[in-house]
Amino acid sequence: MKAIMLSYDKNHKYCELTYRMYMNLWPECPYHFYIPWNECKPQYFINQPNVTLVQCSSRIMPTMQALLAEIEDDDWVYWCIDDRFPVYIDRISMQQLHEHLHDYKEFDFVRPYYLAVVDRILARRSFKFHSSGEYIIQNIVHRWGYYMHHYCKAHMLKRIFFAGDLDTIDDFHVYVTKTIGNTVGLLKPSSELDFIKFQEPLVDGEETPIGSKYLNKLNII
């Protein structure tokens, strides 16, 4: 499965952090990572067998067009923007989910974790469990969750990122609200049941202490 990692040259060290944490925590990880580069090819990835480097513009829309080339709208992809990196993975549960995605073909996304912001959403609307009992069914018309890595149908990313030539994160906020439409997916009902947990390497463009800690631990410059 293609893992789509939105990034650009300046953030390649965070791509490396994300990739290496997946491989450290889940050595049998089944993803093939598609990583963009603009003018400076990231040397670490050149000989990685499960990485394809894609040269493209640094702007968001042409980057996403290049990363999603030849992917059909209803194909599952793993969305893994460089703005998060995993710090915990339940390897068995993630592998089982990956192997049984076909069971969820009527949905647009599967998020194997819980989002705290959903507390406010669920307090205002009814919700129900999927027949498996493992997930709640989530209808979304907003951007919450798109910084987190998850399985989704390619059409969701195309609807968001092909809507306009997005340049900044503020553009992303505007367009994702306007273009995502009404989509339906699955979400874990409690953070205690998360298959995967993340940290942020950057906040408002500044490296976080936890991001720096992991970069130093892996000797990523």
C-alpha atoms as a PDB file:
ATOM      1  CA  MET A   1       0.000   0.000   0.000  1.00  0.00           C
ATOM      2  CA  LYS A   2       1.162   3.514  -0.794  1.00  0.00           C
ATOM      3  CA  ALA A   3       1.910   5.694   2.230  1.00  0.00           C
ATOM      4  CA  ILE A   4       1.594   9.323   1.139  1.00  0.00           C
ATOM      5  CA  MET A   5       3.940  11.641   3.027  1.00  0.00           C
ATOM      6  CA  LEU A   6       3.257  15.310   2.297  1.00  0.00           C
ATOM      7  CA  SER A   7       6.470  17.285   2.809  1.00  0.00           C
ATOM      8  CA  TYR A   8       9.106  19.394   1.059  1.00  0.00           C
ATOM      9  CA  ASP A   9      12.893  19.785   1.100  1.00  0.00           C
ATOM     10  CA  LYS A  10      13.091  21.864   4.288  1.00  0.00           C
ATOM     11  CA  ASN A  11      11.278  19.177   6.287  1.00  0.00           C
ATOM     12  CA  HIS A  12      13.128  16.087   5.099  1.00  0.00           C
ATOM     13  CA  LYS A  13      14.552  15.418   8.531  1.00  0.00           C
ATOM     14  CA  TYR A  14      10.996  15.085   9.827  1.00  0.00           C
ATOM     15  CA  CYS A  15      10.228  12.664   6.985  1.00  0.00           C
ATOM     16  CA  GLU A  16      13.204  10.613   8.095  1.00  0.00           C
ATOM     17  CA  LEU A  17      12.021  10.752  11.702  1.00  0.00           C
ATOM     18  CA  THR A  18       8.536   9.584  10.716  1.00  0.00           C
ATOM     19  CA  TYR A  19       9.820   6.799   8.483  1.00  0.00           C
ATOM     20  CA  ARG A  20      12.386   5.501  10.957  1.00  0.00           C
ATOM     21  CA  MET A  21       9.919   5.468  13.833  1.00  0.00           C
ATOM     22  CA  TYR A  22       7.510   3.375  11.759  1.00  0.00           C
ATOM     23  CA  MET A  23      10.266   0.938  10.881  1.00  0.00           C
ATOM     24  CA  ASN A  24      11.615   0.802  14.452  1.00  0.00           C
ATOM     25  CA  LEU A  25       8.205   0.254  16.022  1.00  0.00           C
ATOM     26  CA  TRP A  26       6.785  -1.942  13.250  1.00  0.00           C
ATOM     27  CA  PRO A  27       9.621  -3.669  11.336  1.00  0.00           C
ATOM     28  CA  GLU A  28       7.186  -5.631   9.159  1.00  0.00           C
ATOM     29  CA  CYS A  29       5.316  -2.409   8.270  1.00  0.00           C
ATOM     30  CA  PRO A  30       3.601  -3.113   4.899  1.00  0.00           C
ATOM     31  CA  TYR A  31       3.652   0.442   3.568  1.00  0.00           C
ATOM     32  CA  HIS A  32       5.585   1.727   0.587  1.00  0.00           C
ATOM     33  CA  PHE A  33       6.383   5.345   1.385  1.00  0.00           C
ATOM     34  CA  TYR A  34       6.095   8.007  -1.316  1.00  0.00           C
ATOM     35  CA  ILE A  35       8.200  11.004  -0.298  1.00  0.00           C
ATOM     36  CA  PRO A  36       8.476  14.228  -2.312  1.00  0.00           C
ATOM     37  CA  TRP A  37      11.614  16.211  -2.994  1.00  0.00           C
ATOM     38  CA  ASN A  38      12.093  19.490  -4.840  1.00  0.00           C
ATOM     39  CA  GLU A  39      15.742  20.392  -5.440  1.00  0.00           C
ATOM     40  CA  CYS A  40      17.613  18.360  -2.834  1.00  0.00           C
ATOM     41  CA  LYS A  41      17.101  14.595  -2.912  1.00  0.00           C
ATOM     42  CA  PRO A  42      17.155  13.185   0.660  1.00  0.00           C
ATOM     43  CA  GLN A  43      20.133  10.847   0.723  1.00  0.00           C
ATOM     44  CA  TYR A  44      18.899   8.647   3.562  1.00  0.00           C
ATOM     45  CA  PHE A  45      16.029   7.321   1.454  1.00  0.00           C
ATOM     46  CA  ILE A  46      17.857   6.576  -1.792  1.00  0.00           C
ATOM     47  CA  ASN A  47      18.554   2.925  -0.990  1.00  0.00           C
ATOM     48  CA  GLN A  48      15.490   2.163   1.119  1.00  0.00           C
ATOM     49  CA  PRO A  49      13.564  -0.617  -0.660  1.00  0.00           C
ATOM     50  CA  ASN A  50      10.168   0.559   0.583  1.00  0.00           C
ATOM     51  CA  VAL A  51      10.572   4.218  -0.419  1.00  0.00           C
ATOM     52  CA  THR A  52       9.896   5.959  -3.718  1.00  0.00           C
ATOM     53  CA  LEU A  53      11.210   9.505  -4.040  1.00  0.00           C
ATOM     54  CA  VAL A  54       9.020  11.773  -6.159  1.00  0.00           C
ATOM     55  CA  GLN A  55      10.424  15.005  -7.552  1.00  0.00           C
ATOM     56  CA  CYS A  56       7.886  17.810  -7.755  1.00  0.00           C
ATOM     57  CA  SER A  57       7.177  21.444  -6.962  1.00  0.00           C
ATOM     58  CA  SER A  58       7.306  22.545  -3.328  1.00  0.00           C
ATOM     59  CA  ARG A  59       3.732  23.833  -3.517  1.00  0.00           C
ATOM     60  CA  ILE A  60       1.076  21.655  -1.970  1.00  0.00           C
ATOM     61  CA  MET A  61      -1.255  20.950  -4.892  1.00  0.00           C
ATOM     62  CA  PRO A  62       1.376  19.822  -7.445  1.00  0.00           C
ATOM     63  CA  THR A  63       3.070  17.813  -4.695  1.00  0.00           C
ATOM     64  CA  MET A  64      -0.139  15.937  -3.962  1.00  0.00           C
ATOM     65  CA  GLN A  65      -0.871  15.498  -7.653  1.00  0.00           C
ATOM     66  CA  ALA A  66       2.534  13.881  -8.086  1.00  0.00           C
ATOM     67  CA  LEU A  67       2.168  11.663  -5.011  1.00  0.00           C
ATOM     68  CA  LEU A  68      -1.324  10.493  -5.986  1.00  0.00           C
ATOM     69  CA  ALA A  69      -0.578   9.959  -9.681  1.00  0.00           C
ATOM     70  CA  GLU A  70      -2.088   6.719 -11.020  1.00  0.00           C
ATOM     71  CA  ILE A  71      -3.992   6.063  -7.788  1.00  0.00           C
ATOM     72  CA  GLU A  72      -7.705   5.463  -8.346  1.00  0.00           C
ATOM     73  CA  ASP A  73     -10.237   7.430  -6.293  1.00  0.00           C
ATOM     74  CA  ASP A  74     -11.463   4.415  -4.327  1.00  0.00           C
ATOM     75  CA  ASP A  75      -8.030   2.977  -3.628  1.00  0.00           C
ATOM     76  CA  TRP A  76      -6.963   2.879   0.005  1.00  0.00           C
ATOM     77  CA  VAL A  77      -3.813   4.839   0.884  1.00  0.00           C
ATOM     78  CA  TYR A  78      -2.088   5.500   4.172  1.00  0.00           C
ATOM     79  CA  TRP A  79      -1.914   9.232   4.798  1.00  0.00           C
ATOM     80  CA  CYS A  80       1.173  10.169   6.825  1.00  0.00           C
ATOM     81  CA  ILE A  81       1.928  13.880   6.687  1.00  0.00           C
ATOM     82  CA  ASP A  82       5.356  14.819   8.096  1.00  0.00           C
ATOM     83  CA  ASP A  83       3.700  16.825  10.891  1.00  0.00           C
ATOM     84  CA  ARG A  84       3.326  13.719  13.077  1.00  0.00           C
ATOM     85  CA  PHE A  85       5.528  10.768  13.986  1.00  0.00           C
ATOM     86  CA  PRO A  86       4.524   7.578  15.814  1.00  0.00           C
ATOM     87  CA  VAL A  87       5.803   6.845  19.318  1.00  0.00           C
ATOM     88  CA  TYR A  88       3.697   3.740  19.957  1.00  0.00           C
ATOM     89  CA  ILE A  89       2.327   1.088  17.593  1.00  0.00           C
ATOM     90  CA  ASP A  90       0.333  -2.005  18.477  1.00  0.00           C
ATOM     91  CA  ARG A  91       1.953  -4.033  15.694  1.00  0.00           C
ATOM     92  CA  ILE A  92      -0.451  -6.974  15.754  1.00  0.00           C
ATOM     93  CA  SER A  93      -3.571  -4.813  15.711  1.00  0.00           C
ATOM     94  CA  MET A  94      -2.242  -2.524  12.974  1.00  0.00           C
ATOM     95  CA  GLN A  95      -1.270  -5.515  10.833  1.00  0.00           C
ATOM     96  CA  GLN A  96      -4.685  -7.095  11.286  1.00  0.00           C
ATOM     97  CA  LEU A  97      -6.417  -3.834  10.383  1.00  0.00           C
ATOM     98  CA  HIS A  98      -4.262  -3.486   7.295  1.00  0.00           C
ATOM     99  CA  GLU A  99      -5.094  -7.025   6.168  1.00  0.00           C
ATOM    100  CA  HIS A 100      -8.835  -6.524   6.710  1.00  0.00           C
ATOM    101  CA  LEU A 101      -9.394  -3.068   5.209  1.00  0.00           C
ATOM    102  CA  HIS A 102     -11.624  -4.738   2.611  1.00  0.00           C
ATOM    103  CA  ASP A 103     -14.143  -5.252   5.432  1.00  0.00           C
ATOM    104  CA  TYR A 104     -14.621  -1.471   5.538  1.00  0.00           C
ATOM    105  CA  LYS A 105     -14.984  -0.755   1.824  1.00  0.00           C
ATOM    106  CA  GLU A 106     -18.187   1.270   2.344  1.00  0.00           C
ATOM    107  CA  PHE A 107     -16.289   3.829   4.434  1.00  0.00           C
ATOM    108  CA  ASP A 108     -14.029   6.711   3.402  1.00  0.00           C
ATOM    109  CA  PHE A 109     -11.464   6.431   6.190  1.00  0.00           C
ATOM    110  CA  VAL A 110     -10.369   4.355   9.172  1.00  0.00           C
ATOM    111  CA  ARG A 111      -8.579   6.026  12.066  1.00  0.00           C
ATOM    112  CA  PRO A 112      -7.166   3.445  14.497  1.00  0.00           C
ATOM    113  CA  TYR A 113      -7.069   5.916  17.394  1.00  0.00           C
ATOM    114  CA  TYR A 114      -9.308   8.340  19.252  1.00  0.00           C
ATOM    115  CA  LEU A 115      -9.319  12.124  18.819  1.00  0.00           C
ATOM    116  CA  ALA A 116      -9.981  14.152  21.962  1.00  0.00           C
ATOM    117  CA  VAL A 117     -11.777  16.811  19.915  1.00  0.00           C
ATOM    118  CA  VAL A 118     -14.436  14.212  19.138  1.00  0.00           C
ATOM    119  CA  ASP A 119     -15.674  14.570  22.722  1.00  0.00           C
ATOM    120  CA  ARG A 120     -17.173  17.909  21.761  1.00  0.00           C
ATOM    121  CA  ILE A 121     -18.617  16.549  18.520  1.00  0.00           C
ATOM    122  CA  LEU A 122     -20.229  13.458  20.028  1.00  0.00           C
ATOM    123  CA  ALA A 123     -21.715  15.499  22.846  1.00  0.00           C
ATOM    124  CA  ARG A 124     -23.817  17.333  20.264  1.00  0.00           C
ATOM    125  CA  ARG A 125     -24.935  14.492  17.987  1.00  0.00           C
ATOM    126  CA  SER A 126     -25.869  10.843  18.056  1.00  0.00           C
ATOM    127  CA  PHE A 127     -23.360   8.183  17.125  1.00  0.00           C
ATOM    128  CA  LYS A 128     -23.322   4.447  16.723  1.00  0.00           C
ATOM    129  CA  PHE A 129     -20.834   1.620  16.793  1.00  0.00           C
ATOM    130  CA  HIS A 130     -19.759  -0.298  13.730  1.00  0.00           C
ATOM    131  CA  SER A 131     -21.026  -3.884  13.689  1.00  0.00           C
ATOM    132  CA  SER A 132     -17.522  -5.076  14.636  1.00  0.00           C
ATOM    133  CA  GLY A 133     -17.857  -3.266  17.963  1.00  0.00           C
ATOM    134  CA  GLU A 134     -14.317  -1.899  17.563  1.00  0.00           C
ATOM    135  CA  TYR A 135     -15.089   1.510  16.046  1.00  0.00           C
ATOM    136  CA  ILE A 136     -17.595   4.300  16.183  1.00  0.00           C
ATOM    137  CA  ILE A 137     -18.943   5.629  12.897  1.00  0.00           C
ATOM    138  CA  GLN A 138     -17.921   9.239  12.324  1.00  0.00           C
ATOM    139  CA  ASN A 139     -19.492  11.683   9.871  1.00  0.00           C
ATOM    140  CA  ILE A 140     -17.139  14.584   9.216  1.00  0.00           C
ATOM    141  CA  VAL A 141     -17.346  17.887   7.385  1.00  0.00           C
ATOM    142  CA  HIS A 142     -14.233  19.423   8.915  1.00  0.00           C
ATOM    143  CA  ARG A 143     -10.459  19.192   9.008  1.00  0.00           C
ATOM    144  CA  TRP A 144     -10.036  17.555  12.434  1.00  0.00           C
ATOM    145  CA  GLY A 145      -7.905  14.481  12.154  1.00  0.00           C
ATOM    146  CA  TYR A 146      -6.080  15.371   8.951  1.00  0.00           C
ATOM    147  CA  TYR A 147      -2.811  15.991  10.733  1.00  0.00           C
ATOM    148  CA  MET A 148      -2.969  12.459  12.080  1.00  0.00           C
ATOM    149  CA  HIS A 149      -1.909   9.431  10.074  1.00  0.00           C
ATOM    150  CA  HIS A 150      -4.716   7.155   8.951  1.00  0.00           C
ATOM    151  CA  TYR A 151      -6.134   5.017   6.186  1.00  0.00           C
ATOM    152  CA  CYS A 152      -8.319   6.839   3.704  1.00  0.00           C
ATOM    153  CA  LYS A 153      -9.644   6.560   0.191  1.00  0.00           C
ATOM    154  CA  ALA A 154      -7.604   8.566  -2.304  1.00  0.00           C
ATOM    155  CA  HIS A 155     -10.633  10.619  -3.316  1.00  0.00           C
ATOM    156  CA  MET A 156     -10.631  12.316   0.092  1.00  0.00           C
ATOM    157  CA  LEU A 157      -7.101  13.630  -0.388  1.00  0.00           C
ATOM    158  CA  LYS A 158      -7.867  14.668  -3.957  1.00  0.00           C
ATOM    159  CA  ARG A 159     -10.968  16.584  -2.896  1.00  0.00           C
ATOM    160  CA  ILE A 160      -8.975  18.494  -0.317  1.00  0.00           C
ATOM    161  CA  PHE A 161      -5.643  19.104  -1.984  1.00  0.00           C
ATOM    162  CA  PHE A 162      -6.692  19.443  -5.617  1.00  0.00           C
ATOM    163  CA  ALA A 163      -9.232  22.168  -4.752  1.00  0.00           C
ATOM    164  CA  GLY A 164      -6.789  25.025  -5.127  1.00  0.00           C
ATOM    165  CA  ASP A 165      -3.072  25.688  -5.217  1.00  0.00           C
ATOM    166  CA  LEU A 166      -2.611  25.566  -1.462  1.00  0.00           C
ATOM    167  CA  ASP A 167       0.547  27.206  -0.196  1.00  0.00           C
ATOM    168  CA  THR A 168       0.236  27.629   3.570  1.00  0.00           C
ATOM    169  CA  ILE A 169      -1.384  25.763   6.435  1.00  0.00           C
ATOM    170  CA  ASP A 170      -3.995  28.525   6.613  1.00  0.00           C
ATOM    171  CA  ASP A 171      -4.965  27.717   3.026  1.00  0.00           C
ATOM    172  CA  PHE A 172      -5.330  24.111   4.077  1.00  0.00           C
ATOM    173  CA  HIS A 173      -7.693  25.078   6.892  1.00  0.00           C
ATOM    174  CA  VAL A 174      -9.921  27.018   4.524  1.00  0.00           C
ATOM    175  CA  TYR A 175     -10.026  24.551   1.662  1.00  0.00           C
ATOM    176  CA  VAL A 176     -10.465  21.379   3.673  1.00  0.00           C
ATOM    177  CA  THR A 177     -13.604  22.809   5.302  1.00  0.00           C
ATOM    178  CA  LYS A 178     -15.016  23.833   1.924  1.00  0.00           C
ATOM    179  CA  THR A 179     -14.196  20.760  -0.112  1.00  0.00           C
ATOM    180  CA  ILE A 180     -14.303  17.641   2.017  1.00  0.00           C
ATOM    181  CA  GLY A 181     -18.072  17.300   1.864  1.00  0.00           C
ATOM    182  CA  ASN A 182     -19.892  14.750   3.974  1.00  0.00           C
ATOM    183  CA  THR A 183     -17.680  11.718   4.469  1.00  0.00           C
ATOM    184  CA  VAL A 184     -18.147   8.715   6.700  1.00  0.00           C
ATOM    185  CA  GLY A 185     -15.454   6.703   8.408  1.00  0.00           C
ATOM    186  CA  LEU A 186     -14.427   4.822  11.510  1.00  0.00           C
ATOM    187  CA  LEU A 187     -12.722   5.969  14.685  1.00  0.00           C
ATOM    188  CA  LYS A 188     -11.627   4.176  17.852  1.00  0.00           C
ATOM    189  CA  PRO A 189     -14.036   4.916  20.736  1.00  0.00           C
ATOM    190  CA  SER A 190     -11.380   5.590  23.381  1.00  0.00           C
ATOM    191  CA  SER A 191      -7.728   6.597  23.544  1.00  0.00           C
ATOM    192  CA  GLU A 192      -7.192   3.540  25.747  1.00  0.00           C
ATOM    193  CA  LEU A 193      -7.851   1.430  22.631  1.00  0.00           C
ATOM    194  CA  ASP A 194      -5.496   3.266  20.256  1.00  0.00           C
ATOM    195  CA  PHE A 195      -3.482   1.102  17.880  1.00  0.00           C
ATOM    196  CA  ILE A 196      -1.045   3.955  17.285  1.00  0.00           C
ATOM    197  CA  LYS A 197      -0.048   7.147  19.101  1.00  0.00           C
ATOM    198  CA  PHE A 198       1.741  10.219  17.764  1.00  0.00           C
ATOM    199  CA  GLN A 199       3.813  13.231  18.729  1.00  0.00           C
ATOM    200  CA  GLU A 200       4.366  16.502  16.876  1.00  0.00           C
ATOM    201  CA  PRO A 201       7.848  17.453  15.647  1.00  0.00           C
ATOM    202  CA  LEU A 202       6.758  21.038  14.962  1.00  0.00           C
ATOM    203  CA  VAL A 203       4.227  23.495  16.323  1.00  0.00           C
ATOM    204  CA  ASP A 204       3.706  26.795  14.509  1.00  0.00           C
ATOM    205  CA  GLY A 205       6.898  26.180  12.578  1.00  0.00           C
ATOM    206  CA  GLU A 206       9.039  25.694  15.690  1.00  0.00           C
ATOM    207  CA  GLU A 207      10.622  22.376  16.603  1.00  0.00           C
ATOM    208  CA  THR A 208       9.102  20.853  19.708  1.00  0.00           C
ATOM    209  CA  PRO A 209      11.133  19.501  22.649  1.00  0.00           C
ATOM    210  CA  ILE A 210       9.797  16.000  22.003  1.00  0.00           C
ATOM    211  CA  GLY A 211      10.649  16.330  18.314  1.00  0.00           C
ATOM    212  CA  SER A 212      14.200  17.394  19.166  1.00  0.00           C
ATOM    213  CA  LYS A 213      14.526  14.520  21.632  1.00  0.00           C
ATOM    214  CA  TYR A 214      13.707  11.888  19.020  1.00  0.00           C
ATOM    215  CA  LEU A 215      15.780  13.562  16.308  1.00  0.00           C
ATOM    216  CA  ASN A 216      18.798  13.533  18.629  1.00  0.00           C
ATOM    217  CA  LYS A 217      18.129   9.952  19.701  1.00  0.00           C
ATOM    218  CA  LEU A 218      18.228   8.818  16.050  1.00  0.00           C
ATOM    219  CA  ASN A 219      21.125  11.153  15.138  1.00  0.00           C
ATOM    220  CA  ILE A 220      19.031  12.887  12.502  1.00  0.00           C
ATOM    221  CA  ILE A 221      20.510  16.242  11.542  1.00  0.00           C
END
